[in-house]
Amino acid sequence: MEETKQPSSQKIQIYPTSTGEISPFWRDKYEKDAKKYWDIFYKRHQDKFFKDRHYLDKEWGQYFSGTDEKVILEVGCGAGNTIFPLLATIPNIFVHACDFSPRAVNLVKSHKDFDDARVNAFVCDPTVDDLIQHISPSSVDVVTMIFVLSAVSPEKMPLMLQNIRKVLKKDGCVLFRDYATGDLAQERLTSKEQKISDNFYVRGDGTRAFYFSDEFLVNLFNENGFDAEEHILCFKQVENRSRELVMNRRWVQAVFRVGSGISAGKTESKVKYLGKDNDKPEIPKIILEDSANETEVDISEGMALEMFGISSPKEEGEVF
């Protein structure tokens, strides 16, 4: 007598398996409303979130100096934490300052040290708006991009660089500082399943952050007509002893110059350890610098400790 075969039981999956990435609906929404989220950010924090960047003349003073007036473009000027330290330190410069957040530009214009004879502040999204509408072609000596390109979707980054290249002089350069892969903030965002795409995440407040690998960054600039002149991977350890927290911050600092875009592989990378860091990466052809230079992470340390130490998922996502 043949045995009746019972159909194998199948598990019914009610909810889709998590991929760790946000849905296409939310990905598109964060892209569409990016300006709104940054405007809300500056409404909430005003000019209190970031430190004034007093390290600029120490790190890159040679790019601003000279007998002739230097013309600077600050892309993503925020509340002016780059502009005003530069104006106070270097007298012979004129600064174009743009941000796609109207509230940020208003913060710059309302600053006590704002002088429209030395600063041209305007609202602009360099991934969409042509900079030539505000700045003469080939007139800028130095572009500063400090924690700004990371807020842009990776697919739009080439558009921004091509736009910037239009206003740079033939020997002009870009001074770049931004988040690096392996930063603690990236690890936190990964664990909370706030990933948009590879190395691109959304924070709890709707603003976004991309984390740059060495290869991605250099190739990005090379492919858009820039040669890498300097490339440093920086590490800093921030410790909150009362909460027993150790926070490893990682960022990249680089200089790119208008050129042929063929410098890939020719620029020797450096790694700079600022304080203790036991997680030393294995990167080929690295020069380790024992430096006492206390180059700062741009977020205020008090704010960083508070944000890393609290348990609110929303605010932990806002780490810079």
Protein backbone atom coordinates (compact mmCIF):
# COMPACT_ATOMS: atom_id res chain seq x y z
CA MET A 1 0.00 0.00 0.00
CA GLU A 2 1.43 3.31 -1.03
CA GLU A 3 1.95 5.91 1.63
CA THR A 4 0.20 9.18 1.01
CA LYS A 5 2.78 11.93 0.77
CA GLN A 6 1.96 14.92 2.91
CA PRO A 7 2.70 18.30 1.32
CA SER A 8 5.68 19.97 2.92
CA SER A 9 4.73 22.85 5.15
CA GLN A 10 5.83 26.25 3.90
CA LYS A 11 6.49 29.24 6.05
CA ILE A 12 4.43 32.23 5.12
CA GLN A 13 6.53 35.40 5.23
CA ILE A 14 4.33 38.32 6.19
CA TYR A 15 7.05 40.99 6.32
CA PRO A 16 9.84 41.29 3.75
CA THR A 17 13.36 40.36 4.81
CA SER A 18 15.30 43.43 5.84
CA THR A 19 18.12 44.40 3.52
CA GLY A 20 19.40 47.10 5.86
CA GLU A 21 18.45 49.74 3.30
CA ILE A 22 15.57 52.19 3.38
CA SER A 23 12.74 51.75 0.87
CA PRO A 24 12.81 53.41 -2.57
CA PHE A 25 9.95 55.67 -1.45
CA TRP A 26 11.96 57.13 1.41
CA ARG A 27 15.15 57.27 -0.64
CA ASP A 28 13.35 59.43 -3.21
CA LYS A 29 11.74 61.56 -0.51
CA TYR A 30 15.05 62.32 1.21
CA GLU A 31 16.49 63.31 -2.16
CA LYS A 32 13.54 65.50 -3.10
CA ASP A 33 13.34 67.21 0.31
CA ALA A 34 17.07 67.53 1.01
CA LYS A 35 16.93 71.33 1.08
CA LYS A 36 13.99 71.27 3.50
CA TYR A 37 15.77 68.95 5.95
CA TRP A 38 18.89 71.15 5.99
CA ASP A 39 16.78 74.27 6.43
CA ILE A 40 15.14 72.64 9.47
CA PHE A 41 18.61 71.68 10.72
CA TYR A 42 19.78 75.31 10.69
CA LYS A 43 16.50 76.48 12.22
CA ARG A 44 17.13 74.11 15.10
CA HIS A 45 20.87 74.59 15.62
CA GLN A 46 21.46 78.09 14.21
CA ASP A 47 25.25 78.68 14.34
CA LYS A 48 25.85 76.56 17.47
CA PHE A 49 26.45 73.12 15.95
CA PHE A 50 29.82 73.39 14.19
CA LYS A 51 33.06 74.84 15.48
CA ASP A 52 34.65 77.78 13.76
CA ARG A 53 37.41 76.30 11.61
CA HIS A 54 40.47 78.10 12.91
CA TYR A 55 42.76 75.32 11.64
CA LEU A 56 42.39 76.35 7.98
CA ASP A 57 45.32 78.78 7.83
CA LYS A 58 47.52 76.27 9.67
CA GLU A 59 46.63 73.34 7.42
CA TRP A 60 46.30 75.17 4.10
CA GLY A 61 47.74 78.64 4.64
CA GLN A 62 49.94 78.45 1.54
CA TYR A 63 46.89 78.21 -0.71
CA PHE A 64 45.42 81.46 0.62
CA SER A 65 48.61 83.55 0.83
CA GLY A 66 50.07 85.79 -1.85
CA THR A 67 50.51 89.43 -2.79
CA ASP A 68 47.43 89.50 -5.02
CA GLU A 69 43.92 89.19 -3.67
CA LYS A 70 42.76 85.59 -3.62
CA VAL A 71 39.21 84.74 -4.58
CA ILE A 72 37.68 81.91 -2.54
CA LEU A 73 34.50 79.93 -3.11
CA GLU A 74 33.06 78.20 -0.05
CA VAL A 75 30.62 75.51 -1.23
CA GLY A 76 28.08 74.64 1.44
CA CYS A 77 28.91 77.62 3.62
CA GLY A 78 26.46 76.71 6.40
CA ALA A 79 26.45 79.34 9.13
CA GLY A 80 29.87 80.68 8.10
CA ASN A 81 32.20 78.58 10.25
CA THR A 82 34.78 78.59 7.44
CA ILE A 83 34.20 82.08 6.06
CA PHE A 84 34.64 84.22 9.13
CA PRO A 85 37.81 82.59 10.53
CA LEU A 86 39.38 83.03 7.07
CA LEU A 87 38.36 86.69 6.82
CA ALA A 88 39.74 87.39 10.30
CA THR A 89 43.07 85.68 9.61
CA ILE A 90 43.76 86.47 5.97
CA PRO A 91 43.08 90.09 4.98
CA ASN A 92 43.67 89.84 1.24
CA ILE A 93 40.81 87.57 0.19
CA PHE A 94 37.31 87.84 -1.26
CA VAL A 95 34.86 85.03 -0.52
CA HIS A 96 31.92 83.74 -2.53
CA ALA A 97 29.76 81.70 -0.15
CA CYS A 98 26.87 79.50 -1.25
CA ASP A 99 24.51 77.04 0.36
CA PHE A 100 21.27 75.50 -0.83
CA SER A 101 19.66 76.25 2.54
CA PRO A 102 18.23 79.81 2.53
CA ARG A 103 18.29 79.80 6.32
CA ALA A 104 22.05 79.05 6.33
CA VAL A 105 22.76 81.93 3.92
CA ASN A 106 20.68 84.24 6.12
CA LEU A 107 22.78 83.20 9.13
CA VAL A 108 25.90 84.23 7.20
CA LYS A 109 24.42 87.60 6.20
CA SER A 110 23.28 88.33 9.76
CA HIS A 111 26.70 87.50 11.28
CA LYS A 112 28.31 90.43 13.11
CA ASP A 113 31.40 90.22 10.89
CA PHE A 114 29.59 89.99 7.57
CA ASP A 115 30.83 92.58 5.06
CA ASP A 116 29.34 92.55 1.57
CA ALA A 117 32.50 94.24 0.29
CA ARG A 118 34.38 91.02 1.12
CA VAL A 119 31.65 88.36 0.94
CA ASN A 120 29.16 87.44 -1.77
CA ALA A 121 26.66 85.11 -0.07
CA PHE A 122 23.94 83.49 -2.17
CA VAL A 123 21.55 80.52 -2.25
CA CYS A 124 22.61 77.87 -4.75
CA ASP A 125 22.43 74.12 -5.26
CA PRO A 126 25.61 73.37 -7.27
CA THR A 127 24.19 70.05 -8.46
CA VAL A 128 21.43 71.95 -10.28
CA ASP A 129 22.14 75.70 -10.44
CA ASP A 130 24.93 76.98 -12.67
CA LEU A 131 27.54 78.77 -10.56
CA ILE A 132 28.37 81.00 -13.53
CA GLN A 133 25.10 82.82 -12.82
CA HIS A 134 26.73 84.13 -9.63
CA ILE A 135 30.49 83.97 -10.29
CA SER A 136 32.56 84.83 -13.37
CA PRO A 137 34.04 81.81 -15.19
CA SER A 138 37.67 80.95 -14.36
CA SER A 139 37.87 83.58 -11.62
CA VAL A 140 38.24 81.55 -8.41
CA ASP A 141 41.64 80.64 -6.93
CA VAL A 142 40.52 78.24 -4.19
CA VAL A 143 37.34 76.26 -3.52
CA THR A 144 36.75 74.99 0.00
CA MET A 145 34.54 71.90 0.39
CA ILE A 146 34.39 71.02 4.07
CA PHE A 147 31.88 68.36 5.12
CA VAL A 148 29.63 69.29 2.20
CA LEU A 149 30.08 66.78 -0.64
CA SER A 150 28.99 64.02 1.75
CA ALA A 151 25.50 65.57 1.86
CA VAL A 152 25.09 65.03 -1.90
CA SER A 153 23.80 61.86 -3.56
CA PRO A 154 26.76 59.97 -5.08
CA GLU A 155 25.21 60.11 -8.54
CA LYS A 156 25.11 63.92 -8.34
CA MET A 157 28.67 64.43 -7.10
CA PRO A 158 30.14 64.61 -10.64
CA LEU A 159 27.65 67.38 -11.52
CA MET A 160 28.83 69.44 -8.56
CA LEU A 161 32.51 69.00 -9.41
CA GLN A 162 31.97 69.89 -13.07
CA ASN A 163 30.06 73.01 -12.00
CA ILE A 164 32.86 74.04 -9.64
CA ARG A 165 35.48 73.48 -12.32
CA LYS A 166 33.78 76.12 -14.51
CA VAL A 167 34.57 78.93 -12.06
CA LEU A 168 38.07 77.78 -11.06
CA LYS A 169 41.17 79.26 -12.66
CA LYS A 170 43.40 76.96 -14.73
CA ASP A 171 45.69 76.39 -11.74
CA GLY A 172 42.89 76.58 -9.14
CA CYS A 173 42.50 74.02 -6.38
CA VAL A 174 39.89 72.42 -4.14
CA LEU A 175 40.57 72.07 -0.41
CA PHE A 176 38.56 69.09 0.75
CA ARG A 177 37.66 67.63 4.12
CA ASP A 178 34.88 65.10 4.72
CA TYR A 179 33.85 61.84 6.38
CA ALA A 180 35.86 58.66 5.79
CA THR A 181 34.63 55.08 5.75
CA GLY A 182 34.91 53.40 9.13
CA ASP A 183 33.91 56.48 11.10
CA LEU A 184 31.91 55.66 14.23
CA ALA A 185 28.92 57.61 12.92
CA GLN A 186 28.79 55.30 9.89
CA GLU A 187 28.83 52.24 12.15
CA ARG A 188 25.97 53.66 14.20
CA LEU A 189 23.88 54.41 11.11
CA THR A 190 24.57 50.93 9.69
CA SER A 191 23.33 49.26 12.87
CA LYS A 192 20.11 51.29 12.72
CA GLU A 193 19.38 50.25 9.12
CA GLN A 194 19.49 53.80 7.80
CA LYS A 195 21.45 52.93 4.67
CA ILE A 196 20.45 54.51 1.36
CA SER A 197 23.17 52.91 -0.80
CA ASP A 198 26.82 51.91 -0.44
CA ASN A 199 28.41 54.22 2.16
CA PHE A 200 25.42 56.60 1.96
CA TYR A 201 23.07 57.01 4.93
CA VAL A 202 20.22 59.11 6.26
CA ARG A 203 20.39 60.50 9.79
CA GLY A 204 17.47 60.69 12.18
CA ASP A 205 16.75 64.30 11.22
CA GLY A 206 16.50 63.56 7.48
CA THR A 207 19.91 64.94 6.50
CA ARG A 208 22.23 62.53 4.70
CA ALA A 209 25.89 61.61 4.88
CA PHE A 210 28.25 59.79 2.52
CA TYR A 211 31.48 58.20 3.80
CA PHE A 212 34.40 58.32 1.38
CA SER A 213 36.87 55.54 0.69
CA ASP A 214 40.27 56.55 -0.68
CA GLU A 215 39.67 54.94 -4.06
CA PHE A 216 36.20 56.41 -4.54
CA LEU A 217 37.30 59.94 -3.66
CA VAL A 218 40.41 60.09 -5.84
CA ASN A 219 38.65 58.45 -8.79
CA LEU A 220 35.71 60.84 -8.46
CA PHE A 221 37.95 63.90 -8.76
CA ASN A 222 40.16 62.35 -11.45
CA GLU A 223 37.16 61.53 -13.62
CA ASN A 224 36.02 65.15 -13.42
CA GLY A 225 39.28 66.84 -14.38
CA PHE A 226 41.21 67.16 -11.09
CA ASP A 227 44.59 65.83 -10.02
CA ALA A 228 45.18 64.80 -6.40
CA GLU A 229 47.95 66.89 -4.82
CA GLU A 230 47.57 65.78 -1.20
CA HIS A 231 45.59 63.03 0.50
CA ILE A 232 45.53 62.40 4.25
CA LEU A 233 43.36 60.00 6.23
CA CYS A 234 42.86 61.40 9.74
CA PHE A 235 41.92 59.63 12.96
CA LYS A 236 40.91 61.06 16.29
CA GLN A 237 39.71 59.35 19.43
CA VAL A 238 37.17 61.18 21.58
CA GLU A 239 36.63 59.76 25.04
CA ASN A 240 33.81 60.31 27.53
CA ARG A 241 35.12 58.78 30.73
CA SER A 242 31.99 59.39 32.78
CA ARG A 243 29.97 57.33 30.30
CA GLU A 244 32.86 54.98 29.45
CA LEU A 245 32.57 55.78 25.76
CA VAL A 246 35.43 55.76 23.27
CA MET A 247 34.55 57.33 19.92
CA ASN A 248 36.82 56.86 16.92
CA ARG A 249 36.29 59.57 14.31
CA ARG A 250 37.73 59.27 10.81
CA TRP A 251 37.84 61.82 8.05
CA VAL A 252 39.77 62.50 4.88
CA GLN A 253 41.62 65.70 4.07
CA ALA A 254 42.78 66.31 0.51
CA VAL A 255 43.84 68.90 -2.04
CA PHE A 256 42.81 68.57 -5.68
CA ARG A 257 44.04 70.83 -8.47
CA VAL A 258 42.53 71.49 -11.87
CA GLY A 259 44.46 69.32 -14.28
CA SER A 260 44.30 66.38 -16.63
CA GLY A 261 42.58 64.05 -14.20
CA ILE A 262 45.23 61.35 -14.52
CA SER A 263 46.75 61.39 -11.04
CA ALA A 264 45.13 58.16 -9.86
CA GLY A 265 47.74 56.03 -8.14
CA LYS A 266 50.42 58.73 -8.27
CA THR A 267 49.55 60.52 -5.03
CA GLU A 268 51.09 59.03 -1.92
CA SER A 269 48.54 58.80 0.88
CA LYS A 270 49.29 59.66 4.48
CA VAL A 271 47.60 58.72 7.71
CA LYS A 272 47.54 61.14 10.63
CA TYR A 273 46.70 59.86 14.10
CA LEU A 274 45.39 62.59 16.39
CA GLY A 275 45.32 60.97 19.81
CA LYS A 276 44.96 57.24 20.42
CA ASP A 277 43.58 54.86 17.86
CA ASN A 278 44.18 51.15 18.20
CA ASP A 279 42.30 50.30 15.03
CA LYS A 280 45.06 51.26 12.62
CA PRO A 281 44.04 50.46 9.04
CA GLU A 282 46.12 48.44 6.64
CA ILE A 283 46.56 50.76 3.69
CA PRO A 284 49.38 50.23 1.18
CA LYS A 285 52.15 52.81 0.84
CA ILE A 286 51.30 54.78 3.95
CA ILE A 287 53.46 57.26 5.81
CA LEU A 288 52.52 57.35 9.51
CA GLU A 289 52.94 60.77 11.06
CA ASP A 290 53.47 61.12 14.81
CA SER A 291 51.98 64.55 15.08
CA ALA A 292 51.07 66.70 18.05
CA ASN A 293 48.86 68.75 15.76
CA GLU A 294 45.44 68.84 17.40
CA THR A 295 43.47 69.25 14.20
CA GLU A 296 39.86 69.36 15.30
CA VAL A 297 36.82 67.42 14.32
CA ASP A 298 34.49 70.20 13.26
CA ILE A 299 31.59 69.36 15.52
CA SER A 300 31.95 70.89 18.98
CA GLU A 301 33.37 68.27 21.37
CA GLY A 302 30.64 68.89 23.95
CA MET A 303 27.97 68.32 21.33
CA ALA A 304 29.74 65.20 20.08
CA LEU A 305 29.93 63.66 23.54
CA GLU A 306 26.30 64.45 24.21
CA MET A 307 25.14 62.97 20.94
CA PHE A 308 27.26 59.83 21.18
CA GLY A 309 26.20 59.27 24.76
CA ILE A 310 22.43 59.57 24.51
CA SER A 311 20.13 56.73 23.63
CA SER A 312 17.63 58.46 21.33
CA PRO A 313 17.91 56.77 17.90
CA LYS A 314 16.93 60.00 16.21
CA GLU A 315 19.65 62.11 17.75
CA GLU A 316 22.33 59.44 17.57
CA GLY A 317 21.77 59.56 13.82
CA GLU A 318 22.72 63.23 13.77
CA VAL A 319 26.40 62.69 14.58
CA PHE A 320 28.76 64.73 12.42
